[in-house]
């Protein structure tokens, strides 16, 4: 399994690094890798959210034995279930591969940051959709800037923090 992950990560790094040239003057390589892989995961999450909202849940409440999810909340949860493993893989093997923190600790920290992001996203969606009446897909787009900014800082400085190497 690890060999497959290494090969996939190597291929993704080759592709991302190929497109880095024009951005070299504006940002470090790690920031570009985060933006590109995070952007891809963001698009994946948005597609899952949109398809979930419009086609899977069809604007209807998802009734579970323990909770009734409004369609925008159910779509958010579905999106999280898809993007969490993809995001962790990209962060661990592509963006922050220089981190020397043990994998299970990275996973736990990544989960904590993602859960915080999920709660933040959920609260902002509730506010924008239920209080201000925005269309859920538009509301999801608006929450992204705040959540992504916090996520990058938290993942870089907490989940995948690399120890500084002395010269």
N, C-alpha and C. Protein backbone atom coordinates (compact mmCIF):
# COMPACT_ATOMS: atom_id res chain seq x y z
N UNK A 1 0.83 -1.21 0.00
CA UNK A 1 0.00 0.00 0.00
C UNK A 1 0.87 1.25 0.00
N UNK A 2 1.92 1.23 0.84
CA UNK A 2 2.78 2.40 0.92
C UNK A 2 3.49 2.64 -0.40
N UNK A 3 3.85 1.56 -1.10
CA UNK A 3 4.51 1.70 -2.39
C UNK A 3 3.60 2.39 -3.40
N UNK A 4 2.32 2.04 -3.39
CA UNK A 4 1.35 2.67 -4.29
C UNK A 4 1.22 4.16 -3.95
N UNK A 5 1.12 4.46 -2.66
CA UNK A 5 1.01 5.86 -2.23
C UNK A 5 2.24 6.66 -2.66
N UNK A 6 3.41 6.05 -2.54
CA UNK A 6 4.64 6.72 -2.93
C UNK A 6 4.66 7.00 -4.43
N UNK A 7 4.22 6.02 -5.22
CA UNK A 7 4.20 6.22 -6.68
C UNK A 7 3.18 7.28 -7.09
N UNK A 8 2.01 7.26 -6.46
CA UNK A 8 0.98 8.26 -6.77
C UNK A 8 1.49 9.65 -6.38
N UNK A 9 2.08 9.75 -5.19
CA UNK A 9 2.61 11.04 -4.73
C UNK A 9 3.71 11.53 -5.66
N UNK A 10 4.59 10.65 -6.07
CA UNK A 10 5.68 11.03 -6.99
C UNK A 10 5.12 11.57 -8.30
N UNK A 11 4.12 10.89 -8.84
CA UNK A 11 3.49 11.33 -10.09
C UNK A 11 2.83 12.70 -9.91
N UNK A 12 2.11 12.86 -8.81
CA UNK A 12 1.46 14.15 -8.55
C UNK A 12 2.50 15.26 -8.40
N UNK A 13 3.60 14.97 -7.73
CA UNK A 13 4.67 15.97 -7.58
C UNK A 13 5.25 16.36 -8.93
N UNK A 14 5.46 15.39 -9.80
CA UNK A 14 5.97 15.70 -11.14
C UNK A 14 5.02 16.63 -11.89
N UNK A 15 3.72 16.34 -11.81
CA UNK A 15 2.73 17.17 -12.51
C UNK A 15 2.68 18.57 -11.90
N UNK A 16 2.58 18.64 -10.57
CA UNK A 16 2.50 19.95 -9.91
C UNK A 16 3.76 20.77 -10.17
N UNK A 17 4.91 20.15 -10.04
CA UNK A 17 6.17 20.88 -10.23
C UNK A 17 6.35 21.35 -11.66
N UNK A 18 5.78 20.62 -12.62
CA UNK A 18 5.82 21.03 -14.01
C UNK A 18 5.12 22.38 -14.20
N UNK A 19 4.00 22.57 -13.50
CA UNK A 19 3.22 23.81 -13.64
C UNK A 19 3.69 24.92 -12.71
N UNK A 20 4.69 24.67 -11.90
CA UNK A 20 5.15 25.66 -10.92
C UNK A 20 5.86 26.85 -11.56
N UNK A 21 6.51 26.66 -12.70
CA UNK A 21 7.33 27.69 -13.33
C UNK A 21 6.76 29.10 -13.31
N UNK A 22 5.58 29.34 -13.84
CA UNK A 22 5.05 30.70 -13.88
C UNK A 22 4.76 31.29 -12.48
N UNK A 23 4.65 30.45 -11.48
CA UNK A 23 4.31 30.93 -10.14
C UNK A 23 5.55 31.11 -9.26
N UNK A 24 6.69 30.72 -9.76
CA UNK A 24 7.94 30.73 -9.01
C UNK A 24 8.24 32.11 -8.41
N UNK A 25 7.92 33.16 -9.15
CA UNK A 25 8.21 34.53 -8.69
C UNK A 25 7.27 34.99 -7.58
N UNK A 26 6.11 34.35 -7.47
CA UNK A 26 5.08 34.83 -6.56
C UNK A 26 4.96 34.05 -5.25
N UNK A 27 5.39 32.77 -5.26
CA UNK A 27 5.20 31.96 -4.05
C UNK A 27 6.21 30.83 -3.99
N UNK A 28 6.51 30.39 -2.77
CA UNK A 28 7.39 29.23 -2.62
C UNK A 28 6.72 27.96 -3.16
N UNK A 29 7.55 26.97 -3.45
CA UNK A 29 7.06 25.71 -4.01
C UNK A 29 6.02 25.05 -3.12
N UNK A 30 6.27 25.03 -1.81
CA UNK A 30 5.33 24.37 -0.89
C UNK A 30 3.96 25.07 -0.91
N UNK A 31 3.97 26.38 -0.95
CA UNK A 31 2.71 27.13 -1.01
C UNK A 31 1.97 26.83 -2.31
N UNK A 32 2.72 26.74 -3.42
CA UNK A 32 2.09 26.39 -4.69
C UNK A 32 1.49 24.99 -4.64
N UNK A 33 2.25 24.05 -4.09
CA UNK A 33 1.74 22.68 -3.99
C UNK A 33 0.47 22.64 -3.14
N UNK A 34 0.47 23.40 -2.04
CA UNK A 34 -0.72 23.43 -1.18
C UNK A 34 -1.90 24.04 -1.94
N UNK A 35 -1.65 25.16 -2.62
CA UNK A 35 -2.72 25.82 -3.36
C UNK A 35 -3.27 24.92 -4.47
N UNK A 36 -2.38 24.25 -5.18
CA UNK A 36 -2.83 23.40 -6.29
C UNK A 36 -3.55 22.15 -5.78
N UNK A 37 -2.96 21.46 -4.82
CA UNK A 37 -3.62 20.24 -4.32
C UNK A 37 -4.86 20.58 -3.51
N UNK A 38 -4.76 21.64 -2.71
CA UNK A 38 -5.94 22.09 -1.95
C UNK A 38 -7.03 22.59 -2.88
N UNK A 39 -6.64 23.27 -3.95
CA UNK A 39 -7.62 23.74 -4.93
C UNK A 39 -8.33 22.58 -5.61
N UNK A 40 -7.55 21.54 -5.94
CA UNK A 40 -8.16 20.35 -6.53
C UNK A 40 -9.12 19.68 -5.57
N UNK A 41 -8.71 19.58 -4.30
CA UNK A 41 -9.57 18.96 -3.30
C UNK A 41 -10.80 19.84 -3.04
N UNK A 42 -10.62 21.13 -3.09
CA UNK A 42 -11.73 22.07 -2.91
C UNK A 42 -12.75 21.90 -4.04
N UNK A 43 -12.26 21.78 -5.26
CA UNK A 43 -13.15 21.57 -6.40
C UNK A 43 -13.88 20.23 -6.25
N UNK A 44 -13.13 19.19 -5.85
CA UNK A 44 -13.76 17.89 -5.61
C UNK A 44 -14.86 18.02 -4.56
N UNK A 45 -14.55 18.69 -3.44
CA UNK A 45 -15.53 18.87 -2.38
C UNK A 45 -16.75 19.66 -2.84
N UNK A 46 -16.50 20.69 -3.62
CA UNK A 46 -17.61 21.50 -4.12
C UNK A 46 -18.49 20.69 -5.08
N UNK A 47 -17.86 19.86 -5.92
CA UNK A 47 -18.64 19.02 -6.83
C UNK A 47 -19.47 18.00 -6.05
N UNK A 48 -18.86 17.37 -5.06
CA UNK A 48 -19.59 16.40 -4.24
C UNK A 48 -20.74 17.11 -3.52
N UNK A 49 -20.46 18.29 -2.96
CA UNK A 49 -21.49 19.07 -2.26
C UNK A 49 -22.64 19.40 -3.21
N UNK A 50 -22.29 19.92 -4.39
CA UNK A 50 -23.33 20.33 -5.36
C UNK A 50 -24.15 19.15 -5.85
N UNK A 51 -23.48 18.06 -6.19
CA UNK A 51 -24.19 16.87 -6.66
C UNK A 51 -25.04 16.29 -5.53
N UNK A 52 -24.48 16.26 -4.33
CA UNK A 52 -25.24 15.77 -3.18
C UNK A 52 -26.49 16.60 -2.94
N UNK A 53 -26.33 17.92 -2.98
CA UNK A 53 -27.46 18.80 -2.71
C UNK A 53 -28.54 18.71 -3.79
N UNK A 54 -28.10 18.77 -5.05
CA UNK A 54 -29.09 18.86 -6.13
C UNK A 54 -29.62 17.50 -6.60
N UNK A 55 -28.79 16.45 -6.54
CA UNK A 55 -29.21 15.17 -7.10
C UNK A 55 -29.43 14.06 -6.07
N UNK A 56 -28.60 14.00 -5.07
CA UNK A 56 -28.72 12.92 -4.09
C UNK A 56 -29.80 13.23 -3.05
N UNK A 57 -29.69 14.40 -2.44
CA UNK A 57 -30.67 14.77 -1.40
C UNK A 57 -31.85 15.55 -1.99
N UNK A 58 -31.68 16.07 -3.18
CA UNK A 58 -32.73 16.77 -3.92
C UNK A 58 -33.46 17.80 -3.07
N UNK A 59 -32.68 18.51 -2.26
CA UNK A 59 -33.27 19.56 -1.44
C UNK A 59 -34.12 19.05 -0.28
N UNK A 60 -34.10 17.75 -0.01
CA UNK A 60 -34.92 17.16 1.04
C UNK A 60 -34.09 16.87 2.29
N UNK A 61 -34.72 16.91 3.42
CA UNK A 61 -34.07 16.60 4.68
C UNK A 61 -33.69 15.12 4.72
N UNK A 62 -32.46 14.85 5.20
CA UNK A 62 -31.99 13.47 5.36
C UNK A 62 -32.32 13.04 6.78
N UNK A 63 -33.23 12.10 6.90
CA UNK A 63 -33.66 11.63 8.22
C UNK A 63 -32.86 10.40 8.63
N UNK A 64 -32.09 10.55 9.69
CA UNK A 64 -31.36 9.44 10.28
C UNK A 64 -31.96 9.16 11.65
N UNK A 65 -31.73 7.98 12.21
CA UNK A 65 -32.33 7.67 13.52
C UNK A 65 -31.93 8.64 14.63
N UNK A 66 -30.77 9.25 14.50
CA UNK A 66 -30.27 10.12 15.58
C UNK A 66 -30.34 11.60 15.26
N UNK A 67 -30.59 11.97 13.98
CA UNK A 67 -30.59 13.40 13.63
C UNK A 67 -31.22 13.58 12.25
N UNK A 68 -31.83 14.72 12.06
CA UNK A 68 -32.37 15.09 10.75
C UNK A 68 -31.47 16.17 10.16
N UNK A 69 -30.81 15.83 9.08
CA UNK A 69 -29.91 16.78 8.42
C UNK A 69 -30.65 17.53 7.33
N UNK A 70 -30.59 18.85 7.39
CA UNK A 70 -31.11 19.64 6.27
C UNK A 70 -30.21 19.35 5.08
N UNK A 71 -30.72 19.52 3.85
CA UNK A 71 -29.95 19.08 2.68
C UNK A 71 -28.58 19.74 2.55
N UNK A 72 -28.46 21.02 2.94
CA UNK A 72 -27.16 21.67 2.83
C UNK A 72 -26.18 21.10 3.85
N UNK A 73 -26.67 20.70 5.01
CA UNK A 73 -25.80 20.09 6.03
C UNK A 73 -25.42 18.65 5.64
N UNK A 74 -26.37 17.90 5.10
CA UNK A 74 -26.08 16.54 4.66
C UNK A 74 -25.06 16.56 3.52
N UNK A 75 -25.18 17.52 2.63
CA UNK A 75 -24.24 17.65 1.52
C UNK A 75 -22.85 18.01 2.03
N UNK A 76 -22.79 18.84 3.04
CA UNK A 76 -21.51 19.20 3.65
C UNK A 76 -20.86 17.97 4.27
N UNK A 77 -21.62 17.16 4.98
CA UNK A 77 -21.09 15.96 5.60
C UNK A 77 -20.59 14.97 4.54
N UNK A 78 -21.34 14.78 3.49
CA UNK A 78 -20.93 13.91 2.39
C UNK A 78 -19.62 14.41 1.78
N UNK A 79 -19.55 15.69 1.53
CA UNK A 79 -18.35 16.29 0.97
C UNK A 79 -17.15 16.07 1.88
N UNK A 80 -17.35 16.22 3.18
CA UNK A 80 -16.28 16.01 4.15
C UNK A 80 -15.77 14.57 4.10
N UNK A 81 -16.68 13.62 4.00
CA UNK A 81 -16.30 12.21 3.98
C UNK A 81 -15.45 11.86 2.76
N UNK A 82 -15.63 12.58 1.68
CA UNK A 82 -14.84 12.34 0.47
C UNK A 82 -13.52 13.10 0.52
N UNK A 83 -13.56 14.36 0.91
CA UNK A 83 -12.36 15.20 0.83
C UNK A 83 -11.37 14.99 1.98
N UNK A 84 -11.82 14.45 3.11
CA UNK A 84 -10.90 14.24 4.23
C UNK A 84 -9.76 13.30 3.87
N UNK A 85 -10.04 12.09 3.39
CA UNK A 85 -8.91 11.20 3.06
C UNK A 85 -8.06 11.72 1.90
N UNK A 86 -8.69 12.33 0.92
CA UNK A 86 -7.93 12.88 -0.21
C UNK A 86 -7.02 14.01 0.28
N UNK A 87 -7.56 14.89 1.09
CA UNK A 87 -6.77 16.01 1.62
C UNK A 87 -5.62 15.55 2.50
N UNK A 88 -5.85 14.53 3.31
CA UNK A 88 -4.77 14.04 4.17
C UNK A 88 -3.65 13.44 3.31
N UNK A 89 -4.02 12.64 2.34
CA UNK A 89 -3.01 12.06 1.45
C UNK A 89 -2.19 13.16 0.78
N UNK A 90 -2.86 14.15 0.23
CA UNK A 90 -2.16 15.23 -0.46
C UNK A 90 -1.26 16.01 0.50
N UNK A 91 -1.74 16.28 1.68
CA UNK A 91 -0.95 17.02 2.66
C UNK A 91 0.26 16.21 3.11
N UNK A 92 0.06 14.96 3.42
CA UNK A 92 1.15 14.12 3.96
C UNK A 92 2.21 13.80 2.92
N UNK A 93 1.80 13.41 1.73
CA UNK A 93 2.74 12.90 0.74
C UNK A 93 3.15 13.90 -0.34
N UNK A 94 2.39 14.96 -0.52
CA UNK A 94 2.69 15.89 -1.60
C UNK A 94 3.15 17.25 -1.06
N UNK A 95 2.39 17.83 -0.15
CA UNK A 95 2.67 19.20 0.29
C UNK A 95 3.68 19.25 1.43
N UNK A 96 3.41 18.52 2.48
CA UNK A 96 4.24 18.62 3.69
C UNK A 96 5.06 17.34 3.90
N UNK A 97 5.63 16.81 2.86
CA UNK A 97 6.38 15.55 2.96
C UNK A 97 7.65 15.71 3.78
N UNK A 98 8.05 16.93 4.08
CA UNK A 98 9.25 17.15 4.89
C UNK A 98 8.98 17.06 6.39
N UNK A 99 7.73 16.86 6.77
CA UNK A 99 7.38 16.76 8.18
C UNK A 99 7.92 15.45 8.76
N UNK A 100 8.49 15.55 9.95
CA UNK A 100 9.02 14.34 10.59
C UNK A 100 8.12 13.85 11.73
N UNK A 101 6.92 14.38 11.81
CA UNK A 101 5.95 13.93 12.80
C UNK A 101 5.42 12.57 12.36
N UNK A 102 5.21 11.68 13.31
CA UNK A 102 4.69 10.34 12.99
C UNK A 102 3.34 10.44 12.30
N UNK A 103 3.09 9.51 11.38
CA UNK A 103 1.88 9.52 10.57
C UNK A 103 0.59 9.55 11.35
N UNK A 104 0.49 8.75 12.40
CA UNK A 104 -0.76 8.71 13.17
C UNK A 104 -1.00 10.02 13.92
N UNK A 105 0.07 10.69 14.32
CA UNK A 105 -0.07 12.00 14.98
C UNK A 105 -0.49 13.04 13.95
N UNK A 106 0.09 12.96 12.75
CA UNK A 106 -0.33 13.85 11.66
C UNK A 106 -1.81 13.66 11.38
N UNK A 107 -2.22 12.41 11.30
CA UNK A 107 -3.63 12.11 11.01
C UNK A 107 -4.54 12.68 12.09
N UNK A 108 -4.17 12.48 13.34
CA UNK A 108 -4.98 12.99 14.45
C UNK A 108 -5.05 14.52 14.41
N UNK A 109 -3.92 15.17 14.20
CA UNK A 109 -3.91 16.64 14.13
C UNK A 109 -4.68 17.14 12.91
N UNK A 110 -4.49 16.45 11.79
CA UNK A 110 -5.22 16.82 10.58
C UNK A 110 -6.73 16.70 10.82
N UNK A 111 -7.13 15.62 11.48
CA UNK A 111 -8.54 15.42 11.81
C UNK A 111 -9.06 16.54 12.69
N UNK A 112 -8.28 16.93 13.71
CA UNK A 112 -8.72 18.02 14.60
C UNK A 112 -8.92 19.32 13.83
N UNK A 113 -7.98 19.65 12.96
CA UNK A 113 -8.10 20.88 12.16
C UNK A 113 -9.29 20.77 11.22
N UNK A 114 -9.45 19.62 10.59
CA UNK A 114 -10.58 19.43 9.66
C UNK A 114 -11.92 19.48 10.37
N UNK A 115 -12.00 18.90 11.55
CA UNK A 115 -13.25 18.97 12.30
C UNK A 115 -13.57 20.41 12.70
N UNK A 116 -12.56 21.16 13.11
CA UNK A 116 -12.78 22.58 13.40
C UNK A 116 -13.28 23.29 12.14
N UNK A 117 -12.64 23.00 11.00
CA UNK A 117 -13.06 23.60 9.73
C UNK A 117 -14.49 23.20 9.38
N UNK A 118 -14.82 21.93 9.64
CA UNK A 118 -16.17 21.44 9.35
C UNK A 118 -17.20 22.18 10.20
N UNK A 119 -16.91 22.35 11.48
CA UNK A 119 -17.83 23.07 12.37
C UNK A 119 -17.95 24.53 11.93
N UNK A 120 -16.82 25.15 11.61
CA UNK A 120 -16.84 26.54 11.13
C UNK A 120 -17.66 26.64 9.85
N UNK A 121 -17.43 25.74 8.93
CA UNK A 121 -18.17 25.72 7.67
C UNK A 121 -19.66 25.50 7.93
N UNK A 122 -19.99 24.57 8.81
CA UNK A 122 -21.38 24.27 9.15
C UNK A 122 -22.07 25.50 9.73
N UNK A 123 -21.42 26.16 10.68
CA UNK A 123 -22.01 27.35 11.32
C UNK A 123 -22.20 28.48 10.32
N UNK A 124 -21.20 28.68 9.47
CA UNK A 124 -21.33 29.72 8.45
C UNK A 124 -22.45 29.37 7.46
N UNK A 125 -22.55 28.10 7.08
CA UNK A 125 -23.65 27.69 6.18
C UNK A 125 -25.01 27.92 6.82
N UNK A 126 -25.14 27.51 8.09
CA UNK A 126 -26.41 27.72 8.79
C UNK A 126 -26.77 29.20 8.81
N UNK A 127 -25.79 30.03 9.10
CA UNK A 127 -26.01 31.47 9.15
C UNK A 127 -26.42 32.02 7.79
N UNK A 128 -25.63 31.68 6.77
CA UNK A 128 -25.89 32.23 5.44
C UNK A 128 -27.15 31.68 4.79
N UNK A 129 -27.44 30.39 5.00
CA UNK A 129 -28.61 29.78 4.36
C UNK A 129 -29.87 30.02 5.17
N UNK A 130 -29.82 29.71 6.46
CA UNK A 130 -31.04 29.75 7.27
C UNK A 130 -31.37 31.15 7.78
N UNK A 131 -30.38 31.96 8.04
CA UNK A 131 -30.64 33.30 8.57
C UNK A 131 -30.75 34.34 7.46
N UNK A 132 -29.81 34.25 6.48
CA UNK A 132 -29.79 35.26 5.43
C UNK A 132 -30.42 34.81 4.12
N UNK A 133 -30.83 33.54 4.03
CA UNK A 133 -31.56 33.06 2.87
C UNK A 133 -30.76 32.90 1.59
N UNK A 134 -29.45 32.77 1.69
CA UNK A 134 -28.65 32.58 0.49
C UNK A 134 -28.83 31.17 -0.06
N UNK A 135 -28.69 31.04 -1.37
CA UNK A 135 -28.72 29.73 -2.00
C UNK A 135 -27.55 28.91 -1.45
N UNK A 136 -27.78 27.67 -1.03
CA UNK A 136 -26.74 26.88 -0.35
C UNK A 136 -25.41 26.74 -1.10
N UNK A 137 -25.46 26.55 -2.41
CA UNK A 137 -24.20 26.40 -3.15
C UNK A 137 -23.42 27.71 -3.13
N UNK A 138 -24.09 28.84 -3.25
CA UNK A 138 -23.43 30.15 -3.16
C UNK A 138 -22.88 30.37 -1.74
N UNK A 139 -23.65 30.00 -0.74
CA UNK A 139 -23.20 30.13 0.64
C UNK A 139 -21.93 29.30 0.88
N UNK A 140 -21.89 28.11 0.30
CA UNK A 140 -20.71 27.25 0.45
C UNK A 140 -19.50 27.91 -0.19
N UNK A 141 -19.67 28.53 -1.32
CA UNK A 141 -18.56 29.22 -1.97
C UNK A 141 -18.03 30.36 -1.10
N UNK A 142 -18.93 31.08 -0.45
CA UNK A 142 -18.51 32.21 0.38
C UNK A 142 -17.74 31.80 1.63
N UNK A 143 -18.05 30.63 2.15
CA UNK A 143 -17.35 30.18 3.37
C UNK A 143 -15.94 29.69 3.08
N UNK A 144 -15.68 29.37 1.83
CA UNK A 144 -14.40 28.74 1.47
C UNK A 144 -13.19 29.62 1.80
N UNK A 145 -13.22 30.89 1.50
CA UNK A 145 -12.03 31.74 1.69
C UNK A 145 -11.56 31.74 3.14
N UNK A 146 -12.47 31.89 4.06
CA UNK A 146 -12.10 31.90 5.48
C UNK A 146 -11.58 30.54 5.93
N UNK A 147 -12.28 29.49 5.56
CA UNK A 147 -11.91 28.15 6.01
C UNK A 147 -10.56 27.73 5.40
N UNK A 148 -10.34 28.02 4.14
CA UNK A 148 -9.09 27.64 3.48
C UNK A 148 -7.90 28.38 4.08
N UNK A 149 -8.06 29.65 4.36
CA UNK A 149 -6.97 30.44 4.95
C UNK A 149 -6.57 29.87 6.31
N UNK A 150 -7.54 29.61 7.14
CA UNK A 150 -7.24 29.03 8.45
C UNK A 150 -6.60 27.66 8.30
N UNK A 151 -7.13 26.86 7.39
CA UNK A 151 -6.64 25.50 7.20
C UNK A 151 -5.17 25.47 6.82
N UNK A 152 -4.77 26.30 5.89
CA UNK A 152 -3.37 26.31 5.46
C UNK A 152 -2.45 26.62 6.64
N UNK A 153 -2.77 27.66 7.38
CA UNK A 153 -1.93 28.03 8.52
C UNK A 153 -1.88 26.92 9.57
N UNK A 154 -3.01 26.33 9.86
CA UNK A 154 -3.06 25.27 10.87
C UNK A 154 -2.32 24.02 10.42
N UNK A 155 -2.50 23.63 9.17
CA UNK A 155 -1.83 22.42 8.69
C UNK A 155 -0.31 22.62 8.61
N UNK A 156 0.11 23.78 8.13
CA UNK A 156 1.55 24.04 8.00
C UNK A 156 2.23 24.15 9.35
N UNK A 157 1.58 24.81 10.31
CA UNK A 157 2.22 25.09 11.59
C UNK A 157 1.85 24.14 12.72
N UNK A 158 0.91 23.21 12.46
CA UNK A 158 0.48 22.30 13.52
C UNK A 158 0.51 20.85 13.06
N UNK A 159 -0.33 20.50 12.12
CA UNK A 159 -0.47 19.10 11.71
C UNK A 159 0.80 18.52 11.09
N UNK A 160 1.44 19.28 10.22
CA UNK A 160 2.59 18.79 9.48
C UNK A 160 3.84 19.63 9.72
N UNK A 161 3.94 20.22 10.86
CA UNK A 161 5.06 21.09 11.19
C UNK A 161 6.37 20.31 11.04
N UNK A 162 7.30 20.90 10.33
CA UNK A 162 8.62 20.30 10.16
C UNK A 162 9.58 20.94 11.13
N UNK A 163 10.40 20.14 11.75
CA UNK A 163 11.39 20.71 12.66
C UNK A 163 12.45 21.41 11.83
N UNK A 164 12.91 22.53 12.34
CA UNK A 164 13.93 23.30 11.62
C UNK A 164 15.26 22.57 11.71
N UNK A 165 15.91 22.48 10.58
CA UNK A 165 17.21 21.82 10.51
C UNK A 165 18.29 22.89 10.65
N UNK A 166 19.18 22.67 11.57
CA UNK A 166 20.28 23.60 11.78
C UNK A 166 21.33 23.39 10.69
N UNK A 167 21.96 24.51 10.23
CA UNK A 167 22.98 24.38 9.15
C UNK A 167 24.24 23.69 9.61
